[in-house]
Amino acid sequence: MSDANARNPLLAFLLPSIHFGACLAIWFGHIQRGWEYLLFIDFPFSVIMAGLMFRRVNQLISFGILGTLWWYFLSSMIIRWISRRSVKL
């Protein structure tokens, strides 16, 4: 674990938590347009997800789980990048 993760491990969970919260708000609020906005926010990943959508599983559930994992991956990559740049400085 890098020093940045050791100092503030909650930063790695901030973006995935926001994504998961947005999915829950769309799900429980029955917001029809919210799904479209979430696709725009997750644009690079939503193109990949369009090909992976499951027919027998609700798309919001599969997109919520895999999209949250995607945001966790992005958060950890950003933290690694920042920690490497701070070491070089």
Protein backbone atom coordinates (compact mmCIF):
# COMPACT_ATOMS: atom_id res chain seq x y z
CA MET A 1 0.00 0.00 0.00
CA SER A 2 1.40 3.38 -0.96
CA ASP A 3 1.84 6.30 1.42
CA ALA A 4 -1.09 8.16 -0.15
CA ASN A 5 -3.43 5.24 0.50
CA ALA A 6 -2.06 4.79 4.01
CA ARG A 7 -2.65 8.45 4.87
CA ASN A 8 -6.14 8.76 3.42
CA PRO A 9 -7.66 5.45 2.28
CA LEU A 10 -11.15 6.98 2.02
CA LEU A 11 -10.17 8.88 -1.13
CA ALA A 12 -10.18 5.59 -3.04
CA PHE A 13 -13.83 5.09 -2.09
CA LEU A 14 -15.13 8.61 -2.76
CA LEU A 15 -15.91 8.36 -6.49
CA PRO A 16 -17.27 4.80 -6.33
CA SER A 17 -19.53 5.81 -3.44
CA ILE A 18 -20.89 8.74 -5.42
CA HIS A 19 -21.55 6.46 -8.41
CA PHE A 20 -23.25 3.83 -6.27
CA GLY A 21 -25.33 6.49 -4.52
CA ALA A 22 -26.44 7.89 -7.88
CA CYS A 23 -27.47 4.39 -9.01
CA LEU A 24 -29.44 3.88 -5.80
CA ALA A 25 -31.13 7.28 -6.18
CA ILE A 26 -32.15 6.43 -9.75
CA TRP A 27 -33.36 2.98 -8.69
CA PHE A 28 -35.40 4.00 -5.65
CA GLY A 29 -36.56 7.32 -7.08
CA HIS A 30 -37.70 5.75 -10.37
CA ILE A 31 -35.95 8.58 -12.22
CA GLN A 32 -36.21 7.82 -15.94
CA ARG A 33 -33.89 10.59 -17.17
CA GLY A 34 -31.31 9.81 -14.50
CA TRP A 35 -30.25 6.66 -16.32
CA GLU A 36 -29.40 8.73 -19.40
CA TYR A 37 -27.36 11.24 -17.38
CA LEU A 38 -25.45 8.41 -15.73
CA LEU A 39 -24.57 7.03 -19.17
CA PHE A 40 -23.11 10.41 -20.15
CA ILE A 41 -21.11 10.70 -16.92
CA ASP A 42 -19.69 7.20 -17.35
CA PHE A 43 -19.14 7.71 -21.09
CA PRO A 44 -16.03 5.64 -21.84
CA PHE A 45 -17.23 2.81 -19.65
CA SER A 46 -20.85 3.02 -20.84
CA VAL A 47 -19.76 2.22 -24.40
CA ILE A 48 -18.15 -0.98 -23.14
CA MET A 49 -21.16 -1.75 -20.94
CA ALA A 50 -23.55 -1.42 -23.88
CA GLY A 51 -22.06 -4.59 -25.33
CA LEU A 52 -22.05 -6.38 -21.99
CA MET A 53 -25.62 -5.70 -20.88
CA PHE A 54 -27.30 -8.81 -19.57
CA ARG A 55 -30.76 -9.60 -20.88
CA ARG A 56 -32.09 -11.38 -17.80
CA VAL A 57 -30.57 -9.01 -15.26
CA ASN A 58 -31.74 -5.45 -14.76
CA GLN A 59 -29.39 -3.13 -16.63
CA LEU A 60 -29.22 -0.63 -13.80
CA ILE A 61 -28.09 -3.33 -11.37
CA SER A 62 -25.36 -4.66 -13.66
CA PHE A 63 -24.30 -1.14 -14.64
CA GLY A 64 -24.34 -0.04 -11.00
CA ILE A 65 -22.11 -2.88 -9.84
CA LEU A 66 -19.66 -2.88 -12.73
CA GLY A 67 -19.68 0.93 -13.00
CA THR A 68 -18.88 1.25 -9.31
CA LEU A 69 -15.97 -1.16 -9.77
CA TRP A 70 -14.85 0.95 -12.75
CA TRP A 71 -14.85 4.11 -10.62
CA TYR A 72 -12.90 2.30 -7.90
CA PHE A 73 -10.31 1.30 -10.50
CA LEU A 74 -10.09 4.89 -11.75
CA SER A 75 -9.76 6.24 -8.18
CA SER A 76 -6.95 3.85 -7.35
CA MET A 77 -5.13 4.73 -10.58
CA ILE A 78 -5.45 8.45 -9.81
CA ILE A 79 -4.11 7.90 -6.28
CA ARG A 80 -1.17 5.90 -7.63
CA TRP A 81 -0.42 8.59 -10.21
CA ILE A 82 -0.51 11.33 -7.59
CA SER A 83 1.69 9.37 -5.19
CA ARG A 84 4.26 8.71 -7.94
CA ARG A 85 4.33 12.38 -8.90
CA SER A 86 4.74 13.45 -5.27
CA VAL A 87 7.68 11.06 -4.86
CA LYS A 88 9.43 12.51 -7.92
CA LEU A 89 8.97 16.07 -6.69
